[in-house]
N, C-alpha and C. Protein backbone atom coordinates (compact mmCIF):
# COMPACT_ATOMS: atom_id res chain seq x y z
N MET A 1 130.61 80.41 17.76
CA MET A 1 131.68 80.60 18.76
C MET A 1 131.09 80.39 20.15
N PRO A 2 131.74 79.60 20.99
CA PRO A 2 131.20 79.36 22.33
C PRO A 2 131.25 80.61 23.18
N ASP A 3 130.30 80.71 24.09
CA ASP A 3 130.24 81.85 25.00
C ASP A 3 131.29 81.65 26.09
N THR A 4 132.31 82.50 26.09
CA THR A 4 133.40 82.36 27.06
C THR A 4 133.25 83.29 28.24
N THR A 5 132.13 84.04 28.30
CA THR A 5 131.94 84.96 29.41
C THR A 5 131.85 84.19 30.72
N GLU A 6 132.57 84.63 31.72
CA GLU A 6 132.53 83.95 33.01
C GLU A 6 131.14 84.09 33.62
N ARG A 7 130.60 82.98 34.08
CA ARG A 7 129.27 82.98 34.68
C ARG A 7 129.35 82.73 36.17
N ARG A 8 128.48 83.39 36.90
CA ARG A 8 128.38 83.11 38.33
C ARG A 8 127.59 81.83 38.54
N PRO A 9 127.85 81.10 39.60
CA PRO A 9 127.10 79.88 39.87
C PRO A 9 125.68 80.19 40.28
N TYR A 10 124.80 79.20 40.11
CA TYR A 10 123.40 79.38 40.45
C TYR A 10 123.20 79.74 41.91
N HIS A 11 124.09 79.25 42.78
CA HIS A 11 123.89 79.47 44.20
C HIS A 11 124.31 80.87 44.65
N HIS A 12 124.64 81.74 43.70
CA HIS A 12 124.98 83.12 44.04
C HIS A 12 123.87 83.70 44.91
N GLY A 13 124.19 84.05 46.14
CA GLY A 13 123.17 84.38 47.14
C GLY A 13 122.35 85.61 46.85
N ASN A 14 122.87 86.57 46.12
CA ASN A 14 122.17 87.82 45.86
C ASN A 14 121.63 87.91 44.44
N LEU A 15 121.45 86.79 43.78
CA LEU A 15 121.07 86.83 42.38
C LEU A 15 119.74 87.54 42.17
N ARG A 16 118.74 87.25 43.00
CA ARG A 16 117.44 87.89 42.82
C ARG A 16 117.56 89.41 42.95
N THR A 17 118.29 89.84 43.96
CA THR A 17 118.50 91.28 44.16
C THR A 17 119.26 91.88 42.99
N ASP A 18 120.30 91.18 42.53
CA ASP A 18 121.09 91.68 41.40
C ASP A 18 120.23 91.80 40.14
N LEU A 19 119.36 90.83 39.92
CA LEU A 19 118.49 90.87 38.75
C LEU A 19 117.52 92.04 38.83
N LEU A 20 116.96 92.28 40.00
CA LEU A 20 116.03 93.40 40.16
C LEU A 20 116.76 94.73 39.99
N ASP A 21 117.97 94.82 40.52
CA ASP A 21 118.75 96.05 40.34
C ASP A 21 119.05 96.30 38.87
N ALA A 22 119.43 95.24 38.17
CA ALA A 22 119.73 95.36 36.74
C ALA A 22 118.47 95.71 35.96
N ALA A 23 117.34 95.11 36.37
CA ALA A 23 116.07 95.40 35.70
C ALA A 23 115.68 96.86 35.88
N GLU A 24 115.91 97.39 37.07
CA GLU A 24 115.57 98.80 37.29
C GLU A 24 116.47 99.72 36.49
N ARG A 25 117.73 99.37 36.38
CA ARG A 25 118.62 100.17 35.53
C ARG A 25 118.14 100.15 34.08
N GLY A 26 117.75 98.96 33.61
CA GLY A 26 117.24 98.84 32.25
C GLY A 26 115.95 99.61 32.06
N LEU A 27 115.10 99.58 33.08
CA LEU A 27 113.83 100.31 33.02
C LEU A 27 114.09 101.80 32.86
N ARG A 28 115.04 102.32 33.62
CA ARG A 28 115.38 103.74 33.52
C ARG A 28 115.94 104.07 32.14
N ALA A 29 116.75 103.16 31.60
CA ALA A 29 117.47 103.44 30.37
C ALA A 29 116.60 103.35 29.13
N HIS A 30 115.74 102.30 29.06
CA HIS A 30 115.01 102.11 27.81
C HIS A 30 113.59 101.59 27.97
N GLY A 31 113.04 101.62 29.18
CA GLY A 31 111.64 101.25 29.37
C GLY A 31 111.43 99.77 29.58
N ALA A 32 110.22 99.44 30.02
CA ALA A 32 109.89 98.06 30.36
C ALA A 32 109.82 97.16 29.13
N GLU A 33 109.48 97.72 27.98
CA GLU A 33 109.26 96.90 26.79
C GLU A 33 110.50 96.12 26.38
N ARG A 34 111.67 96.66 26.66
CA ARG A 34 112.91 96.02 26.21
C ARG A 34 113.58 95.17 27.27
N LEU A 35 112.94 95.03 28.43
CA LEU A 35 113.52 94.18 29.46
C LEU A 35 113.29 92.71 29.12
N SER A 36 114.32 91.90 29.28
CA SER A 36 114.18 90.46 29.06
C SER A 36 115.05 89.72 30.06
N LEU A 37 114.62 88.53 30.44
CA LEU A 37 115.40 87.72 31.37
C LEU A 37 116.76 87.36 30.79
N ARG A 38 116.79 87.11 29.50
CA ARG A 38 118.05 86.72 28.85
C ARG A 38 119.07 87.86 28.93
N ASP A 39 118.62 89.08 28.64
CA ASP A 39 119.54 90.22 28.70
C ASP A 39 120.00 90.48 30.14
N LEU A 40 119.09 90.32 31.08
CA LEU A 40 119.46 90.54 32.48
C LEU A 40 120.48 89.50 32.95
N ALA A 41 120.31 88.26 32.50
CA ALA A 41 121.28 87.22 32.84
C ALA A 41 122.67 87.61 32.35
N ARG A 42 122.73 88.12 31.14
CA ARG A 42 124.02 88.56 30.60
C ARG A 42 124.58 89.72 31.41
N ASP A 43 123.70 90.66 31.78
CA ASP A 43 124.15 91.84 32.50
C ASP A 43 124.76 91.51 33.86
N VAL A 44 124.18 90.52 34.55
CA VAL A 44 124.69 90.19 35.89
C VAL A 44 125.69 89.05 35.86
N GLY A 45 125.91 88.45 34.68
CA GLY A 45 126.95 87.45 34.53
C GLY A 45 126.58 86.06 34.97
N VAL A 46 125.35 85.63 34.67
CA VAL A 46 124.93 84.26 34.99
C VAL A 46 124.41 83.60 33.72
N SER A 47 124.15 82.31 33.80
CA SER A 47 123.63 81.59 32.64
C SER A 47 122.24 82.08 32.30
N HIS A 48 121.83 81.85 31.07
CA HIS A 48 120.51 82.30 30.63
C HIS A 48 119.38 81.67 31.42
N ALA A 49 119.61 80.47 31.94
CA ALA A 49 118.56 79.77 32.67
C ALA A 49 118.45 80.22 34.13
N ALA A 50 119.50 80.82 34.66
CA ALA A 50 119.54 81.13 36.09
C ALA A 50 118.41 82.04 36.57
N PRO A 51 118.04 83.10 35.83
CA PRO A 51 116.98 83.98 36.33
C PRO A 51 115.64 83.28 36.55
N ARG A 52 115.39 82.19 35.81
CA ARG A 52 114.10 81.52 35.94
C ARG A 52 113.98 80.76 37.26
N ARG A 53 115.06 80.68 37.99
CA ARG A 53 114.96 80.10 39.34
C ARG A 53 114.28 81.09 40.29
N HIS A 54 114.21 82.35 39.88
CA HIS A 54 113.59 83.39 40.71
C HIS A 54 112.35 83.99 40.06
N PHE A 55 112.32 84.03 38.73
CA PHE A 55 111.20 84.63 38.00
C PHE A 55 110.79 83.68 36.88
N ALA A 56 109.55 83.24 36.92
CA ALA A 56 109.09 82.25 35.94
C ALA A 56 109.13 82.80 34.52
N ASP A 57 108.86 84.09 34.39
CA ASP A 57 108.85 84.71 33.06
C ASP A 57 109.04 86.22 33.23
N ARG A 58 109.01 86.91 32.11
CA ARG A 58 109.23 88.36 32.12
C ARG A 58 108.18 89.08 32.95
N ARG A 59 106.93 88.62 32.87
CA ARG A 59 105.86 89.25 33.63
C ARG A 59 106.11 89.13 35.12
N ALA A 60 106.60 87.99 35.55
CA ALA A 60 106.91 87.80 36.97
C ALA A 60 108.02 88.74 37.41
N LEU A 61 108.99 88.97 36.54
CA LEU A 61 110.06 89.92 36.84
C LEU A 61 109.49 91.32 37.02
N LEU A 62 108.64 91.76 36.10
CA LEU A 62 108.07 93.10 36.17
C LEU A 62 107.22 93.26 37.42
N ASP A 63 106.46 92.23 37.76
CA ASP A 63 105.64 92.29 38.97
C ASP A 63 106.52 92.40 40.21
N ALA A 64 107.61 91.65 40.24
CA ALA A 64 108.52 91.72 41.38
C ALA A 64 109.16 93.09 41.49
N LEU A 65 109.47 93.68 40.34
CA LEU A 65 110.05 95.02 40.33
C LEU A 65 109.05 96.04 40.85
N ALA A 66 107.79 95.91 40.42
CA ALA A 66 106.74 96.82 40.90
C ALA A 66 106.50 96.64 42.40
N GLU A 67 106.46 95.39 42.84
CA GLU A 67 106.26 95.13 44.27
C GLU A 67 107.39 95.74 45.09
N SER A 68 108.62 95.55 44.64
CA SER A 68 109.77 96.11 45.34
C SER A 68 109.66 97.63 45.40
N GLY A 69 109.18 98.23 44.31
CA GLY A 69 109.01 99.68 44.29
C GLY A 69 108.02 100.15 45.32
N PHE A 70 106.89 99.45 45.45
CA PHE A 70 105.89 99.85 46.44
C PHE A 70 106.40 99.67 47.87
N VAL A 71 107.19 98.63 48.09
CA VAL A 71 107.77 98.43 49.42
C VAL A 71 108.70 99.59 49.76
N ARG A 72 109.54 99.97 48.82
CA ARG A 72 110.45 101.10 49.04
C ARG A 72 109.68 102.40 49.22
N LEU A 73 108.64 102.59 48.42
CA LEU A 73 107.82 103.79 48.56
C LEU A 73 107.18 103.84 49.94
N GLY A 74 106.63 102.72 50.37
CA GLY A 74 106.01 102.67 51.68
C GLY A 74 106.98 103.03 52.79
N GLU A 75 108.20 102.53 52.68
CA GLU A 75 109.22 102.85 53.68
C GLU A 75 109.56 104.33 53.65
N ARG A 76 109.64 104.90 52.45
CA ARG A 76 109.95 106.34 52.32
C ARG A 76 108.84 107.18 52.95
N LEU A 77 107.60 106.83 52.68
CA LEU A 77 106.47 107.58 53.23
C LEU A 77 106.44 107.47 54.75
N ARG A 78 106.64 106.26 55.25
CA ARG A 78 106.58 106.03 56.70
C ARG A 78 107.68 106.81 57.41
N THR A 79 108.87 106.79 56.85
CA THR A 79 109.98 107.52 57.46
C THR A 79 109.70 109.01 57.49
N ALA A 80 109.19 109.54 56.38
CA ALA A 80 108.92 110.98 56.29
C ALA A 80 107.90 111.42 57.33
N VAL A 81 106.83 110.65 57.48
CA VAL A 81 105.79 111.00 58.44
C VAL A 81 106.30 110.85 59.87
N ASN A 82 107.05 109.80 60.13
CA ASN A 82 107.55 109.55 61.48
C ASN A 82 108.57 110.59 61.93
N GLU A 83 109.20 111.25 60.96
CA GLU A 83 110.17 112.28 61.31
C GLU A 83 109.51 113.54 61.85
N ILE A 84 108.20 113.67 61.66
CA ILE A 84 107.47 114.78 62.26
C ILE A 84 107.23 114.43 63.73
N GLY A 85 107.92 115.11 64.60
CA GLY A 85 107.89 114.73 66.01
C GLY A 85 106.52 114.83 66.66
N ASP A 86 105.74 115.83 66.27
CA ASP A 86 104.44 116.06 66.90
C ASP A 86 103.37 115.28 66.14
N GLU A 87 102.87 114.21 66.73
CA GLU A 87 101.84 113.41 66.06
C GLU A 87 100.55 114.18 65.86
N GLY A 88 100.37 115.26 66.62
CA GLY A 88 99.15 116.05 66.47
C GLY A 88 99.23 117.11 65.39
N ASP A 89 100.40 117.25 64.76
CA ASP A 89 100.57 118.26 63.72
C ASP A 89 100.16 117.68 62.37
N LEU A 90 98.86 117.64 62.13
CA LEU A 90 98.34 117.03 60.90
C LEU A 90 98.85 117.71 59.64
N PRO A 91 98.85 119.05 59.56
CA PRO A 91 99.35 119.68 58.34
C PRO A 91 100.79 119.27 58.01
N ALA A 92 101.65 119.22 59.03
CA ALA A 92 103.05 118.85 58.78
C ALA A 92 103.16 117.40 58.34
N ARG A 93 102.36 116.53 58.91
CA ARG A 93 102.42 115.11 58.55
C ARG A 93 101.89 114.89 57.13
N LEU A 94 100.81 115.58 56.78
CA LEU A 94 100.29 115.47 55.41
C LEU A 94 101.30 116.02 54.41
N HIS A 95 101.92 117.13 54.76
CA HIS A 95 102.93 117.71 53.86
C HIS A 95 104.10 116.74 53.69
N ALA A 96 104.54 116.13 54.79
CA ALA A 96 105.65 115.19 54.72
C ALA A 96 105.30 114.01 53.83
N PHE A 97 104.09 113.49 53.97
CA PHE A 97 103.64 112.36 53.15
C PHE A 97 103.63 112.74 51.68
N ALA A 98 102.97 113.86 51.36
CA ALA A 98 102.83 114.28 49.97
C ALA A 98 104.18 114.59 49.34
N SER A 99 105.03 115.29 50.08
CA SER A 99 106.35 115.63 49.56
C SER A 99 107.18 114.38 49.32
N ALA A 100 107.13 113.43 50.24
CA ALA A 100 107.90 112.19 50.08
C ALA A 100 107.43 111.42 48.85
N TYR A 101 106.11 111.39 48.63
CA TYR A 101 105.61 110.68 47.45
C TYR A 101 106.11 111.36 46.17
N VAL A 102 105.95 112.66 46.08
CA VAL A 102 106.33 113.36 44.85
C VAL A 102 107.82 113.23 44.60
N ARG A 103 108.62 113.31 45.64
CA ARG A 103 110.06 113.17 45.45
C ARG A 103 110.42 111.76 44.96
N PHE A 104 109.81 110.74 45.57
CA PHE A 104 110.07 109.38 45.12
C PHE A 104 109.65 109.22 43.66
N ALA A 105 108.48 109.74 43.31
CA ALA A 105 107.94 109.55 41.97
C ALA A 105 108.70 110.33 40.91
N THR A 106 109.29 111.46 41.29
CA THR A 106 110.08 112.20 40.31
C THR A 106 111.49 111.64 40.19
N GLU A 107 111.99 111.06 41.26
CA GLU A 107 113.31 110.42 41.21
C GLU A 107 113.25 109.07 40.50
N ASN A 108 112.08 108.46 40.45
CA ASN A 108 111.92 107.12 39.88
C ASN A 108 110.74 107.10 38.91
N ALA A 109 110.78 107.98 37.94
CA ALA A 109 109.63 108.16 37.05
C ALA A 109 109.25 106.89 36.30
N ALA A 110 110.23 106.20 35.75
CA ALA A 110 109.93 104.98 35.00
C ALA A 110 109.39 103.89 35.92
N LEU A 111 109.96 103.78 37.10
CA LEU A 111 109.52 102.76 38.04
C LEU A 111 108.10 103.04 38.52
N ILE A 112 107.78 104.29 38.82
CA ILE A 112 106.44 104.61 39.31
C ILE A 112 105.41 104.33 38.23
N GLY A 113 105.78 104.53 36.96
CA GLY A 113 104.87 104.20 35.88
C GLY A 113 104.57 102.72 35.83
N LEU A 114 105.61 101.90 35.99
CA LEU A 114 105.42 100.44 36.02
C LEU A 114 104.59 100.04 37.23
N MET A 115 104.86 100.63 38.38
CA MET A 115 104.12 100.31 39.60
C MET A 115 102.64 100.58 39.42
N ASN A 116 102.31 101.75 38.90
CA ASN A 116 100.90 102.12 38.77
C ASN A 116 100.18 101.29 37.72
N SER A 117 100.90 100.84 36.70
CA SER A 117 100.26 100.04 35.66
C SER A 117 100.14 98.57 36.04
N SER A 118 100.88 98.16 37.07
CA SER A 118 100.90 96.75 37.45
C SER A 118 99.95 96.40 38.58
N LYS A 119 99.60 97.38 39.42
CA LYS A 119 98.91 97.04 40.67
C LYS A 119 97.48 96.53 40.46
N HIS A 120 96.86 96.86 39.31
CA HIS A 120 95.50 96.39 39.06
C HIS A 120 95.44 95.22 38.08
N ARG A 121 96.61 94.72 37.69
CA ARG A 121 96.62 93.61 36.74
C ARG A 121 96.11 92.34 37.41
N PRO A 122 95.20 91.61 36.76
CA PRO A 122 94.70 90.36 37.34
C PRO A 122 95.85 89.42 37.68
N GLY A 123 95.84 88.90 38.88
CA GLY A 123 96.87 87.97 39.30
C GLY A 123 98.05 88.59 40.01
N ALA A 124 98.14 89.92 39.97
CA ALA A 124 99.28 90.60 40.61
C ALA A 124 98.97 90.87 42.08
N THR A 125 98.69 89.81 42.82
CA THR A 125 98.25 89.95 44.21
C THR A 125 99.30 90.60 45.08
N ALA A 126 100.55 90.16 44.96
CA ALA A 126 101.61 90.70 45.80
C ALA A 126 101.83 92.19 45.53
N VAL A 127 101.71 92.58 44.26
CA VAL A 127 101.86 93.99 43.90
C VAL A 127 100.74 94.81 44.54
N ALA A 128 99.51 94.31 44.41
CA ALA A 128 98.36 95.02 44.97
C ALA A 128 98.48 95.16 46.48
N GLU A 129 98.95 94.12 47.14
CA GLU A 129 99.10 94.17 48.60
C GLU A 129 100.18 95.17 49.01
N ALA A 130 101.27 95.20 48.28
CA ALA A 130 102.33 96.16 48.59
C ALA A 130 101.86 97.59 48.35
N ALA A 131 101.06 97.78 47.28
CA ALA A 131 100.51 99.11 47.01
C ALA A 131 99.55 99.54 48.10
N ALA A 132 98.70 98.62 48.53
CA ALA A 132 97.73 98.94 49.58
C ALA A 132 98.44 99.29 50.89
N ALA A 133 99.52 98.59 51.19
CA ALA A 133 100.26 98.88 52.42
C ALA A 133 100.89 100.27 52.36
N ALA A 134 101.40 100.64 51.19
CA ALA A 134 102.01 101.97 51.05
C ALA A 134 100.97 103.07 51.15
N PHE A 135 99.90 102.94 50.37
CA PHE A 135 98.91 104.02 50.32
C PHE A 135 97.93 103.98 51.47
N GLY A 136 97.88 102.87 52.18
CA GLY A 136 97.02 102.81 53.36
C GLY A 136 97.44 103.80 54.43
N GLN A 137 98.68 104.25 54.35
CA GLN A 137 99.18 105.20 55.34
C GLN A 137 98.44 106.53 55.27
N ILE A 138 98.02 106.95 54.08
CA ILE A 138 97.31 108.22 53.98
C ILE A 138 95.92 108.09 54.60
N SER A 139 95.29 106.93 54.45
CA SER A 139 94.00 106.71 55.10
C SER A 139 94.14 106.76 56.61
N ASP A 140 95.25 106.23 57.12
CA ASP A 140 95.50 106.27 58.56
C ASP A 140 95.66 107.70 59.04
N LEU A 141 96.36 108.53 58.26
CA LEU A 141 96.51 109.94 58.63
C LEU A 141 95.17 110.65 58.64
N ILE A 142 94.35 110.37 57.62
CA ILE A 142 93.03 111.00 57.54
C ILE A 142 92.18 110.57 58.73
N GLN A 143 92.18 109.30 59.01
CA GLN A 143 91.36 108.80 60.13
C GLN A 143 91.82 109.40 61.45
N ASP A 144 93.12 109.53 61.63
CA ASP A 144 93.63 110.14 62.85
C ASP A 144 93.16 111.58 62.96
N GLY A 145 93.20 112.31 61.85
CA GLY A 145 92.72 113.69 61.86
C GLY A 145 91.24 113.78 62.17
N GLN A 146 90.47 112.82 61.68
CA GLN A 146 89.04 112.80 61.97
C GLN A 146 88.79 112.53 63.45
N GLU A 147 89.54 111.59 64.01
CA GLU A 147 89.37 111.26 65.43
C GLU A 147 89.75 112.43 66.33
N ARG A 148 90.65 113.28 65.85
CA ARG A 148 91.04 114.46 66.62
C ARG A 148 90.10 115.63 66.38
N GLY A 149 89.13 115.45 65.50
CA GLY A 149 88.19 116.52 65.20
C GLY A 149 88.73 117.56 64.25
N GLU A 150 89.83 117.25 63.54
CA GLU A 150 90.44 118.22 62.63
C GLU A 150 89.91 118.10 61.21
N LEU A 151 89.28 116.98 60.88
CA LEU A 151 88.77 116.76 59.53
C LEU A 151 87.34 116.26 59.59
N GLU A 152 86.60 116.55 58.53
CA GLU A 152 85.24 116.02 58.40
C GLU A 152 85.28 114.50 58.39
N GLY A 153 84.21 113.89 58.84
CA GLY A 153 84.17 112.44 58.97
C GLY A 153 83.79 111.70 57.71
N ASP A 154 84.39 112.04 56.58
CA ASP A 154 84.13 111.33 55.33
C ASP A 154 84.92 110.02 55.31
N ASP A 155 84.66 109.20 54.30
CA ASP A 155 85.37 107.93 54.16
C ASP A 155 86.87 108.20 54.04
N PRO A 156 87.70 107.71 54.98
CA PRO A 156 89.14 107.99 54.93
C PRO A 156 89.80 107.52 53.63
N GLU A 157 89.34 106.39 53.11
CA GLU A 157 89.95 105.88 51.88
C GLU A 157 89.64 106.79 50.69
N GLU A 158 88.38 107.22 50.59
CA GLU A 158 88.00 108.11 49.50
C GLU A 158 88.72 109.45 49.62
N THR A 159 88.80 109.96 50.84
CA THR A 159 89.50 111.22 51.06
C THR A 159 90.97 111.08 50.72
N GLY A 160 91.56 109.95 51.09
CA GLY A 160 92.95 109.70 50.76
C GLY A 160 93.19 109.65 49.26
N LEU A 161 92.22 109.13 48.51
CA LEU A 161 92.35 109.09 47.05
C LEU A 161 92.38 110.49 46.45
N VAL A 162 91.67 111.42 47.08
CA VAL A 162 91.71 112.80 46.61
C VAL A 162 93.12 113.37 46.75
N ILE A 163 93.74 113.10 47.90
CA ILE A 163 95.12 113.56 48.10
C ILE A 163 96.06 112.86 47.12
N TYR A 164 95.84 111.56 46.92
CA TYR A 164 96.67 110.80 45.99
C TYR A 164 96.55 111.36 44.58
N ALA A 165 95.32 111.69 44.17
CA ALA A 165 95.11 112.26 42.84
C ALA A 165 95.85 113.59 42.70
N THR A 166 95.87 114.36 43.77
CA THR A 166 96.55 115.65 43.74
C THR A 166 98.06 115.48 43.58
N VAL A 167 98.65 114.57 44.36
CA VAL A 167 100.11 114.40 44.25
C VAL A 167 100.48 113.75 42.92
N LEU A 168 99.59 112.93 42.36
CA LEU A 168 99.84 112.38 41.02
C LEU A 168 99.89 113.51 40.00
N GLY A 169 98.99 114.47 40.14
CA GLY A 169 98.98 115.61 39.22
C GLY A 169 100.25 116.43 39.32
N ILE A 170 100.69 116.69 40.54
CA ILE A 170 101.93 117.44 40.74
C ILE A 170 103.11 116.67 40.14
N THR A 171 103.14 115.37 40.40
CA THR A 171 104.21 114.52 39.85
C THR A 171 104.23 114.57 38.33
N SER A 172 103.05 114.47 37.73
CA SER A 172 102.96 114.48 36.27
C SER A 172 103.50 115.79 35.70
N MET A 173 103.16 116.91 36.32
CA MET A 173 103.64 118.20 35.83
C MET A 173 105.15 118.32 35.97
N LEU A 174 105.68 117.81 37.06
CA LEU A 174 107.13 117.86 37.25
C LEU A 174 107.86 116.94 36.27
N ASN A 175 107.35 115.72 36.11
CA ASN A 175 108.02 114.76 35.23
C ASN A 175 107.92 115.15 33.76
N SER A 176 106.88 115.87 33.40
CA SER A 176 106.72 116.28 32.00
C SER A 176 107.42 117.58 31.69
N GLY A 177 107.94 118.25 32.72
CA GLY A 177 108.62 119.52 32.51
C GLY A 177 107.70 120.72 32.47
N MET A 178 106.42 120.52 32.79
CA MET A 178 105.48 121.64 32.80
C MET A 178 105.85 122.67 33.86
N VAL A 179 106.38 122.21 34.98
CA VAL A 179 106.83 123.12 36.03
C VAL A 179 108.24 122.73 36.45
N GLU A 180 108.97 123.67 37.01
CA GLU A 180 110.35 123.43 37.40
C GLU A 180 110.42 122.64 38.70
N PRO A 181 111.43 121.78 38.85
CA PRO A 181 111.59 121.00 40.08
C PRO A 181 111.65 121.86 41.34
N ALA A 182 112.16 123.08 41.21
CA ALA A 182 112.28 123.95 42.39
C ALA A 182 110.93 124.31 42.99
N ARG A 183 109.86 124.10 42.24
CA ARG A 183 108.52 124.46 42.73
C ARG A 183 107.85 123.31 43.49
N LEU A 184 108.53 122.18 43.63
CA LEU A 184 107.91 121.00 44.24
C LEU A 184 107.32 121.30 45.61
N GLU A 185 108.13 121.81 46.53
CA GLU A 185 107.66 122.02 47.89
C GLU A 185 106.55 123.06 47.95
N GLY A 186 106.65 124.09 47.13
CA GLY A 186 105.61 125.11 47.11
C GLY A 186 104.28 124.55 46.63
N LEU A 187 104.31 123.72 45.60
CA LEU A 187 103.09 123.11 45.09
C LEU A 187 102.48 122.16 46.11
N VAL A 188 103.33 121.37 46.76
CA VAL A 188 102.84 120.45 47.79
C VAL A 188 102.23 121.24 48.94
N GLY A 189 102.90 122.30 49.36
CA GLY A 189 102.37 123.10 50.46
C GLY A 189 101.03 123.71 50.13
N THR A 190 100.88 124.23 48.92
CA THR A 190 99.60 124.81 48.51
C THR A 190 98.52 123.75 48.45
N ALA A 191 98.87 122.58 47.92
CA ALA A 191 97.89 121.49 47.82
C ALA A 191 97.39 121.07 49.20
N VAL A 192 98.30 120.92 50.16
CA VAL A 192 97.91 120.51 51.51
C VAL A 192 97.07 121.59 52.17
N THR A 193 97.47 122.85 52.01
CA THR A 193 96.72 123.95 52.61
C THR A 193 95.30 124.01 52.07
N GLN A 194 95.16 123.88 50.75
CA GLN A 194 93.83 123.94 50.14
C GLN A 194 92.99 122.73 50.54
N PHE A 195 93.62 121.57 50.63
CA PHE A 195 92.88 120.38 51.07
C PHE A 195 92.33 120.58 52.47
N LEU A 196 93.19 121.02 53.39
CA LEU A 196 92.77 121.20 54.78
C LEU A 196 91.70 122.28 54.89
N ARG A 197 91.80 123.30 54.08
CA ARG A 197 90.80 124.38 54.12
C ARG A 197 89.42 123.84 53.78
N GLY A 198 89.38 122.90 52.85
CA GLY A 198 88.08 122.35 52.45
C GLY A 198 87.62 121.18 53.29
N ALA A 199 88.56 120.52 53.98
CA ALA A 199 88.22 119.28 54.69
C ALA A 199 88.01 119.48 56.18
N ARG A 200 88.31 120.66 56.70
CA ARG A 200 88.10 120.88 58.13
C ARG A 200 86.61 121.01 58.44
N PRO A 201 86.20 120.60 59.63
CA PRO A 201 84.79 120.73 60.01
C PRO A 201 84.35 122.19 59.96
N ALA A 202 83.13 122.41 59.54
CA ALA A 202 82.60 123.77 59.47
C ALA A 202 82.46 124.36 60.87
N GLU A 203 82.78 125.65 60.98
CA GLU A 203 82.63 126.33 62.26
C GLU A 203 81.14 126.50 62.57
N PRO A 204 80.73 126.26 63.83
CA PRO A 204 79.32 126.45 64.19
C PRO A 204 78.91 127.91 64.06
N ARG A 205 77.71 128.12 63.56
CA ARG A 205 77.23 129.49 63.39
C ARG A 205 76.46 129.94 64.62
């Protein structure tokens, strides 16, 4: 039987965006393993060949989805930190960064899993660059704190990874149900307080 489903023309201006939106819905519903270009074409109402004008294969689609996720994450982190009016309030800025990350990661658990598994894949240059841009913000915060004399002068990138590892742990506990969502802000606050307690320069004796 011929396929009588109405198809959108190839020149549909938002096709790439529509495909990524449909892919993210599919990711939430049943995971990355079941995503296919053919199914996405059906979901958005275009011919089976149309998605390949934007994504060469399934791997390219997943990489684009991960890259888009890191761009959105970076914007969320930047907005959260910028909303802290006092640039000298390092604790508040660190808390805003950590809280924004955990909220994004708990709201988009399947997407964050794809993002983290894709950024180190050989050839995923655009994904790695988007990830570096997002997470580079924590290194900037650390460096700013060091320049103000509020933090020890350790490698900002390494120190940032410690904070990243901490928020990943909090995210994992929330996403797995080990702790209740209502404890998010309290856990983030404790993590930031303990980090600052250990990272501040020692008082002269």
